[in-house]
């Protein structure tokens, strides 16, 4: 597969000129190593996953790092987090040198703690998710955005099966002392069936025979390892009584389809999960665009106790909000915009831009705006409004 540029490249290059270390987190196989190798070809590469390498590092980390020539890429640093203190020592010897250390990790939260403790002020932190549709049109609902699936889509089901197995055996066990992987696998299948729904931990715990705190721990694992997105309710009440629990989505729609047993576009088009899969796809595309632009993740939903719901609310600076409805339909009708219009009428504080994102192309629906000011855009144009 020919190298596909990533939207985050400019931010990474800028950070390498201003910080001694750049840390790139994200789910396994999202393309972190390939990206850093392409942007910084002179950097020496060290994979910190081989048991012999890890053993040597833990026995004598100082000697290992003394042998490392900078610039250097330390891949999967979360396997040896104690190295961060020694990296700090090397940085402090020559603080004027920038772009010396490039660290990757597939577990964001533990790394963030390590950076706070050891590399505060010395490292810039970024996340990389699988490819977005804005980066390549090869990304689809069925395939998702993992690079290896895009290279060989015909072998996608095999790849996802291996990915889930590897993920369970490696990342899950490294984050938590889970012993019953079979139950965790059932949990994963159950969670994916709740994609797009408001999170109810009790509803997840009962069928599995585990406690609610256990469900909370397992959800945290999925979030730490970059598998799910929890979208919080918007904090403004617009004069309404709000639902307070988050909504749950997966980062990659291809993984969702695999876990749901959806193997073709025809199956997806006839699946009752089409709407939630598309909604999650939109959520992921929004997050990808935000982090690629160097901005914090800021994505919310709105739902009150009377049933008014808007899929996504995105802060866009200067007291401006984007209201977004995601519709898996290829045909757009004015009634789909009603929730956007109702919520906008309840607003007295913000400037509101209202969008209806649909699955079709511009040819399916050439009209760009309703009389109420709601703009209908195909999913391929979502990035243009998030980057605005």
Protein backbone atom coordinates (compact mmCIF):
# COMPACT_ATOMS: atom_id res chain seq x y z
CA UNK A 1 0.00 0.00 0.00
CA UNK A 2 1.37 3.39 -1.01
CA UNK A 3 2.00 5.66 1.96
CA UNK A 4 -1.05 7.79 2.73
CA UNK A 5 -0.31 11.12 4.44
CA UNK A 6 -1.94 11.64 7.84
CA UNK A 7 -3.69 14.84 8.86
CA UNK A 8 -1.66 15.01 12.07
CA UNK A 9 1.71 15.23 10.29
CA UNK A 10 2.07 19.02 10.49
CA UNK A 11 1.38 19.02 14.24
CA UNK A 12 3.97 16.29 14.84
CA UNK A 13 6.64 18.12 12.83
CA UNK A 14 5.96 21.36 14.67
CA UNK A 15 6.18 19.59 18.03
CA UNK A 16 9.51 17.96 17.09
CA UNK A 17 11.01 21.44 16.64
CA UNK A 18 9.84 22.64 20.03
CA UNK A 19 10.03 19.62 22.35
CA UNK A 20 12.76 17.12 23.14
CA UNK A 21 10.24 14.25 23.10
CA UNK A 22 7.08 13.53 21.12
CA UNK A 23 4.71 10.84 22.40
CA UNK A 24 2.17 9.25 20.06
CA UNK A 25 -0.56 7.06 21.54
CA UNK A 26 -3.46 5.20 19.98
CA UNK A 27 -4.87 1.71 19.41
CA UNK A 28 -2.63 -1.04 18.14
CA UNK A 29 -2.09 -1.21 14.38
CA UNK A 30 -3.39 2.32 13.77
CA UNK A 31 -0.15 3.26 11.95
CA UNK A 32 1.87 4.99 14.68
CA UNK A 33 5.22 3.37 13.84
CA UNK A 34 4.80 3.82 10.09
CA UNK A 35 3.95 7.49 10.54
CA UNK A 36 6.93 8.28 12.78
CA UNK A 37 9.28 6.32 10.53
CA UNK A 38 8.09 8.31 7.51
CA UNK A 39 8.31 11.71 9.19
CA UNK A 40 11.62 11.09 10.98
CA UNK A 41 13.59 8.66 8.77
CA UNK A 42 16.91 9.32 10.53
CA UNK A 43 15.59 8.10 13.88
CA UNK A 44 16.86 4.74 15.16
CA UNK A 45 14.04 2.28 15.84
CA UNK A 46 13.65 0.15 18.99
CA UNK A 47 10.69 -2.18 19.57
CA UNK A 48 10.01 -2.67 23.27
CA UNK A 49 7.91 -5.83 23.07
CA UNK A 50 10.36 -8.70 22.74
CA UNK A 51 10.59 -10.50 26.13
CA UNK A 52 14.40 -10.54 25.97
CA UNK A 53 14.53 -6.79 25.31
CA UNK A 54 12.09 -6.05 28.13
CA UNK A 55 14.06 -8.27 30.51
CA UNK A 56 17.28 -6.47 29.65
CA UNK A 57 15.63 -3.10 30.08
CA UNK A 58 14.28 -3.93 33.51
CA UNK A 59 17.60 -5.40 34.63
CA UNK A 60 19.78 -2.55 33.40
CA UNK A 61 17.78 0.32 31.84
CA UNK A 62 20.63 2.80 32.15
CA UNK A 63 22.99 0.72 30.00
CA UNK A 64 20.28 0.19 27.38
CA UNK A 65 19.58 3.89 27.03
CA UNK A 66 23.26 4.79 26.97
CA UNK A 67 23.53 2.65 23.83
CA UNK A 68 20.56 4.36 22.16
CA UNK A 69 21.51 6.88 19.50
CA UNK A 70 19.23 9.88 19.11
CA UNK A 71 16.97 10.68 17.43
CA UNK A 72 15.28 7.44 18.44
CA UNK A 73 11.86 5.83 18.20
CA UNK A 74 10.93 3.75 21.25
CA UNK A 75 7.93 1.70 20.16
CA UNK A 76 5.32 0.50 22.72
CA UNK A 77 6.94 2.30 25.65
CA UNK A 78 4.06 1.31 27.96
CA UNK A 79 5.71 -2.11 28.31
CA UNK A 80 8.62 -0.49 30.17
CA UNK A 81 7.24 2.76 31.69
CA UNK A 82 10.19 2.96 34.09
CA UNK A 83 12.29 4.03 31.09
CA UNK A 84 10.61 7.44 31.09
CA UNK A 85 12.66 8.60 34.08
CA UNK A 86 15.89 7.68 32.33
CA UNK A 87 14.75 9.38 29.12
CA UNK A 88 14.22 12.52 31.20
CA UNK A 89 17.81 12.28 32.45
CA UNK A 90 19.11 12.08 28.86
CA UNK A 91 16.95 15.04 27.85
CA UNK A 92 18.16 17.16 30.75
CA UNK A 93 21.78 16.65 29.71
CA UNK A 94 21.13 18.59 26.50
CA UNK A 95 17.84 20.48 26.92
CA UNK A 96 18.54 22.62 23.86
CA UNK A 97 18.23 19.61 21.54
CA UNK A 98 14.72 19.11 20.18
CA UNK A 99 13.13 16.17 18.40
CA UNK A 100 15.37 13.57 20.03
CA UNK A 101 12.85 11.05 21.36
CA UNK A 102 9.75 9.66 19.67
CA UNK A 103 7.73 7.33 21.90
CA UNK A 104 4.66 5.30 20.98
CA UNK A 105 2.17 3.50 23.18
CA UNK A 106 -1.18 1.75 22.83
CA UNK A 107 -2.39 2.62 26.34
CA UNK A 108 -2.97 6.35 26.68
CA UNK A 109 -3.91 6.75 30.36
CA UNK A 110 -0.86 4.96 31.88
CA UNK A 111 1.42 6.88 29.56
CA UNK A 112 -0.18 10.17 30.49
CA UNK A 113 0.59 9.44 34.15
CA UNK A 114 4.18 8.63 33.27
CA UNK A 115 4.56 11.81 31.24
CA UNK A 116 3.13 13.89 34.07
CA UNK A 117 5.56 12.34 36.53
CA UNK A 118 8.70 12.17 34.38
CA UNK A 119 8.48 14.27 31.21
CA UNK A 120 6.37 17.28 32.16
CA UNK A 121 7.40 20.23 29.99
CA UNK A 122 9.71 18.03 27.94
CA UNK A 123 7.24 16.06 25.81
CA UNK A 124 4.36 16.83 23.45
CA UNK A 125 1.50 14.32 23.54
CA UNK A 126 -0.59 13.24 20.55
CA UNK A 127 -3.03 10.48 19.62
CA UNK A 128 -3.37 8.61 16.34
CA UNK A 129 -6.53 6.70 15.46
CA UNK A 130 -7.10 4.53 12.37
CA UNK A 131 -7.43 6.33 9.04
CA UNK A 132 -10.27 8.80 8.59
CA UNK A 133 -12.36 9.13 5.46
CA UNK A 134 -10.84 12.56 4.98
CA UNK A 135 -7.39 10.92 4.75
CA UNK A 136 -8.43 8.22 2.28
CA UNK A 137 -11.71 7.30 0.53
CA UNK A 138 -10.81 3.65 1.12
CA UNK A 139 -12.26 4.06 4.61
CA UNK A 140 -15.85 2.77 4.65
CA UNK A 141 -18.43 1.74 7.21
CA UNK A 142 -17.75 -1.93 6.54
CA UNK A 143 -13.94 -1.77 6.41
CA UNK A 144 -13.21 0.92 8.96
CA UNK A 145 -9.80 2.58 8.90
CA UNK A 146 -7.14 0.15 10.11
CA UNK A 147 -4.29 0.27 7.55
CA UNK A 148 -3.88 -3.48 7.10
CA UNK A 149 -7.59 -3.95 6.38
CA UNK A 150 -7.44 -1.22 3.74
CA UNK A 151 -4.47 -2.94 2.10
CA UNK A 152 -6.20 -6.35 1.95
CA UNK A 153 -9.95 -5.86 2.38
CA UNK A 154 -10.67 -9.42 1.22
CA UNK A 155 -8.83 -10.71 4.30
CA UNK A 156 -10.48 -8.21 6.64
CA UNK A 157 -12.43 -10.78 8.66
CA UNK A 158 -9.27 -12.82 9.28
CA UNK A 159 -7.37 -9.70 10.32
CA UNK A 160 -10.07 -8.56 12.75
CA UNK A 161 -10.34 -12.03 14.28
CA UNK A 162 -6.60 -12.06 14.90
CA UNK A 163 -6.69 -8.48 16.16
CA UNK A 164 -9.36 -9.23 18.75
CA UNK A 165 -7.46 -12.29 19.94
CA UNK A 166 -4.18 -10.38 20.17
CA UNK A 167 -5.88 -7.46 21.85
CA UNK A 168 -7.45 -9.72 24.47
CA UNK A 169 -4.26 -11.60 25.20
CA UNK A 170 -1.84 -8.69 25.18
CA UNK A 171 -3.38 -5.32 26.00
CA UNK A 172 -6.18 -6.43 28.28
CA UNK A 173 -3.96 -8.57 30.46
CA UNK A 174 -1.29 -5.89 30.61
CA UNK A 175 -3.79 -3.30 31.86
CA UNK A 176 -5.78 -5.51 34.25
CA UNK A 177 -5.49 -8.81 36.06
CA UNK A 178 -8.40 -10.31 34.11
CA UNK A 179 -8.18 -14.08 34.20
CA UNK A 180 -11.46 -15.04 32.58
CA UNK A 181 -10.87 -13.86 29.02
CA UNK A 182 -13.90 -15.83 27.79
CA UNK A 183 -16.21 -13.66 29.89
CA UNK A 184 -14.41 -10.52 28.74
CA UNK A 185 -14.92 -11.65 25.14
CA UNK A 186 -18.66 -12.02 25.83
CA UNK A 187 -18.57 -8.58 27.38
CA UNK A 188 -17.03 -7.21 24.18
CA UNK A 189 -19.81 -8.77 22.09
CA UNK A 190 -22.43 -7.36 24.43
CA UNK A 191 -20.92 -3.87 24.40
CA UNK A 192 -20.86 -3.71 20.61
CA UNK A 193 -24.59 -4.52 20.54
CA UNK A 194 -25.12 -1.37 22.65
CA UNK A 195 -23.21 0.86 20.25
CA UNK A 196 -24.93 4.25 19.96
CA UNK A 197 -26.97 3.74 23.10
CA UNK A 198 -26.85 5.58 26.41
CA UNK A 199 -24.54 3.59 28.68
CA UNK A 200 -26.27 1.44 31.28
CA UNK A 201 -23.69 -0.47 33.31
CA UNK A 202 -26.32 -2.52 35.16
CA UNK A 203 -27.76 -3.64 31.84
CA UNK A 204 -24.31 -4.92 30.85
CA UNK A 205 -23.50 -6.55 34.19
CA UNK A 206 -26.64 -8.69 34.58
CA UNK A 207 -26.25 -10.98 31.51
CA UNK A 208 -22.59 -11.61 32.34
CA UNK A 209 -23.06 -12.27 36.04
CA UNK A 210 -20.45 -9.71 37.07
CA UNK A 211 -20.64 -6.60 39.23
CA UNK A 212 -21.20 -3.05 38.03
CA UNK A 213 -17.70 -2.00 39.27
CA UNK A 214 -16.26 -4.81 37.10
CA UNK A 215 -18.15 -3.46 34.08
CA UNK A 216 -16.78 0.02 34.84
CA UNK A 217 -13.25 -1.39 35.00
CA UNK A 218 -13.65 -3.25 31.70
CA UNK A 219 -15.09 -0.19 29.97
CA UNK A 220 -12.11 1.77 31.25
CA UNK A 221 -9.81 -0.81 29.66
CA UNK A 222 -11.54 -0.41 26.30
CA UNK A 223 -11.20 3.36 26.59
CA UNK A 224 -7.56 3.29 27.74
CA UNK A 225 -6.57 1.07 24.81
CA UNK A 226 -8.34 3.27 22.24
CA UNK A 227 -11.22 0.94 21.35
CA UNK A 228 -14.26 2.96 22.42
CA UNK A 229 -15.46 6.55 22.64
CA UNK A 230 -17.68 7.66 25.50
CA UNK A 231 -19.59 10.78 24.47
CA UNK A 232 -20.74 12.84 27.46
CA UNK A 233 -24.03 14.74 27.54
CA UNK A 234 -23.75 18.45 26.84
CA UNK A 235 -23.44 20.42 30.07
CA UNK A 236 -25.82 23.27 29.13
CA UNK A 237 -29.41 22.46 30.05
CA UNK A 238 -31.19 24.81 27.59
CA UNK A 239 -33.89 25.00 30.27
CA UNK A 240 -34.45 21.23 30.17
CA UNK A 241 -33.97 18.21 32.45
CA UNK A 242 -31.12 16.21 30.98
CA UNK A 243 -30.00 12.61 30.69
CA UNK A 244 -26.62 12.40 32.47
CA UNK A 245 -25.07 9.12 31.27
CA UNK A 246 -22.64 9.00 28.30
CA UNK A 247 -23.30 7.35 24.95
CA UNK A 248 -21.00 4.58 23.80
CA UNK A 249 -19.38 4.14 20.39
CA UNK A 250 -16.45 2.17 19.00
CA UNK A 251 -13.54 3.98 17.37
CA UNK A 252 -13.49 1.75 14.29
CA UNK A 253 -16.63 0.82 12.35
CA UNK A 254 -14.86 -2.13 10.71
CA UNK A 255 -14.26 -3.70 14.11
CA UNK A 256 -17.91 -3.08 15.02
CA UNK A 257 -19.12 -4.84 11.87
CA UNK A 258 -16.78 -7.76 12.55
CA UNK A 259 -18.00 -8.19 16.11
CA UNK A 260 -21.62 -7.99 14.92
CA UNK A 261 -21.01 -10.63 12.24
CA UNK A 262 -21.67 -8.21 9.37
CA UNK A 263 -19.55 -9.40 6.45
CA UNK A 264 -20.80 -7.46 3.41
CA UNK A 265 -22.29 -4.13 2.40
CA UNK A 266 -25.56 -5.92 1.64
CA UNK A 267 -25.70 -7.35 5.16
CA UNK A 268 -24.89 -3.93 6.60
CA UNK A 269 -27.59 -2.19 4.55
CA UNK A 270 -30.21 -4.60 5.89
CA UNK A 271 -28.90 -4.71 9.46
CA UNK A 272 -30.81 -3.12 12.34
CA UNK A 273 -27.40 -1.85 13.44
CA UNK A 274 -26.86 0.30 10.32
CA UNK A 275 -27.98 3.49 12.09
CA UNK A 276 -25.79 3.01 15.19
CA UNK A 277 -22.79 1.97 13.06
CA UNK A 278 -23.11 5.11 10.95
CA UNK A 279 -23.62 7.30 14.02
CA UNK A 280 -20.46 5.85 15.57
CA UNK A 281 -18.61 6.39 12.30
CA UNK A 282 -19.54 10.08 12.41
CA UNK A 283 -18.45 10.36 16.06
CA UNK A 284 -15.09 8.79 15.24
CA UNK A 285 -14.55 11.04 12.21
CA UNK A 286 -15.20 14.12 14.36
CA UNK A 287 -12.70 12.99 17.02
CA UNK A 288 -10.09 12.12 14.38
CA UNK A 289 -10.36 15.56 12.85
CA UNK A 290 -10.06 17.29 16.23
CA UNK A 291 -6.96 15.46 17.40
CA UNK A 292 -5.31 15.74 13.97
CA UNK A 293 -5.66 19.51 14.26
CA UNK A 294 -3.98 19.53 17.66
CA UNK A 295 -7.20 20.34 19.47
CA UNK A 296 -8.62 18.54 22.50
CA UNK A 297 -11.43 16.05 22.05
CA UNK A 298 -14.70 17.91 22.50
CA UNK A 299 -17.77 15.95 21.52
CA UNK A 300 -21.14 15.82 23.29
CA UNK A 301 -24.70 14.73 22.71
CA UNK A 302 -28.00 16.18 23.91
CA UNK A 303 -31.01 14.34 25.23
CA UNK A 304 -33.64 15.53 27.68
CA UNK A 305 -36.17 13.52 29.63
CA UNK A 306 -38.91 14.44 27.17
CA UNK A 307 -37.07 12.59 24.40
CA UNK A 308 -35.56 15.49 22.43
CA UNK A 309 -32.20 14.25 21.19
CA UNK A 310 -29.46 15.66 18.98
CA UNK A 311 -26.72 13.20 18.08
CA UNK A 312 -23.70 15.47 18.47
CA UNK A 313 -22.81 18.90 19.78
CA UNK A 314 -19.33 20.18 18.91
CA UNK A 315 -17.89 23.36 20.46
CA UNK A 316 -16.31 25.45 17.74
CA UNK A 317 -14.89 28.47 19.57
CA UNK A 318 -16.24 31.99 20.15
CA UNK A 319 -19.46 30.81 21.79
CA UNK A 320 -20.28 28.79 18.69
CA UNK A 321 -21.71 25.27 18.60
CA UNK A 322 -22.23 22.78 15.83
CA UNK A 323 -25.42 20.73 16.10
CA UNK A 324 -25.06 17.52 14.07
CA UNK A 325 -27.57 14.80 13.24
CA UNK A 326 -26.21 11.59 11.68
CA UNK A 327 -28.57 9.76 9.31
CA UNK A 328 -27.59 6.49 7.64
CA UNK A 329 -30.16 7.13 4.91
CA UNK A 330 -28.96 8.01 1.42
CA UNK A 331 -32.06 10.18 1.05
CA UNK A 332 -32.60 13.31 3.13
CA UNK A 333 -36.04 14.68 4.01
CA UNK A 334 -36.88 17.87 5.95
CA UNK A 335 -38.37 15.97 8.91
CA UNK A 336 -34.91 14.68 9.81
CA UNK A 337 -33.90 18.22 10.78
CA UNK A 338 -36.63 18.69 13.38
CA UNK A 339 -34.50 17.84 16.49
CA UNK A 340 -31.84 20.32 15.36
CA UNK A 341 -34.45 23.04 14.89
CA UNK A 342 -36.16 22.40 18.24
CA UNK A 343 -32.95 22.49 20.23
CA UNK A 344 -31.71 25.57 18.40
CA UNK A 345 -34.93 27.40 19.32
CA UNK A 346 -34.24 26.67 23.00
CA UNK A 347 -30.81 28.30 22.80
CA UNK A 348 -30.23 31.88 23.91
CA UNK A 349 -26.49 31.84 24.52
CA UNK A 350 -24.63 30.36 21.55
CA UNK A 351 -24.23 30.89 17.83
CA UNK A 352 -25.56 27.70 16.29
CA UNK A 353 -24.66 25.99 13.01
CA UNK A 354 -26.93 23.04 12.19
CA UNK A 355 -25.89 20.10 10.02
CA UNK A 356 -27.49 16.91 8.82
CA UNK A 357 -24.81 14.37 7.87
CA UNK A 358 -26.05 11.59 5.60
CA UNK A 359 -24.55 8.49 4.00
CA UNK A 360 -25.13 9.36 0.36
CA UNK A 361 -23.17 11.58 -1.99
CA UNK A 362 -23.80 15.12 -3.16
CA UNK A 363 -25.42 13.66 -6.30
CA UNK A 364 -28.06 11.94 -4.14
CA UNK A 365 -29.11 15.20 -2.56
CA UNK A 366 -27.84 18.30 -4.39
CA UNK A 367 -29.78 20.81 -2.23
CA UNK A 368 -27.41 22.08 0.47
CA UNK A 369 -29.77 23.76 2.94
CA UNK A 370 -33.28 23.62 4.35
CA UNK A 371 -35.33 26.78 4.89
CA UNK A 372 -34.59 26.54 8.62
CA UNK A 373 -30.88 26.98 8.01
CA UNK A 374 -29.98 23.30 8.47
CA UNK A 375 -27.35 22.24 5.95
CA UNK A 376 -27.33 18.68 4.62
CA UNK A 377 -23.86 17.34 3.85
CA UNK A 378 -22.61 13.91 2.77
CA UNK A 379 -20.29 12.16 5.22
CA UNK A 380 -17.35 12.83 2.89
CA UNK A 381 -17.65 16.58 3.66
CA UNK A 382 -17.84 16.27 7.45
CA UNK A 383 -14.18 17.18 7.93
CA UNK A 384 -14.65 20.57 6.32
CA UNK A 385 -17.05 21.77 9.01
CA UNK A 386 -15.11 20.30 11.95
CA UNK A 387 -11.96 22.03 10.76
CA UNK A 388 -13.77 25.33 10.34
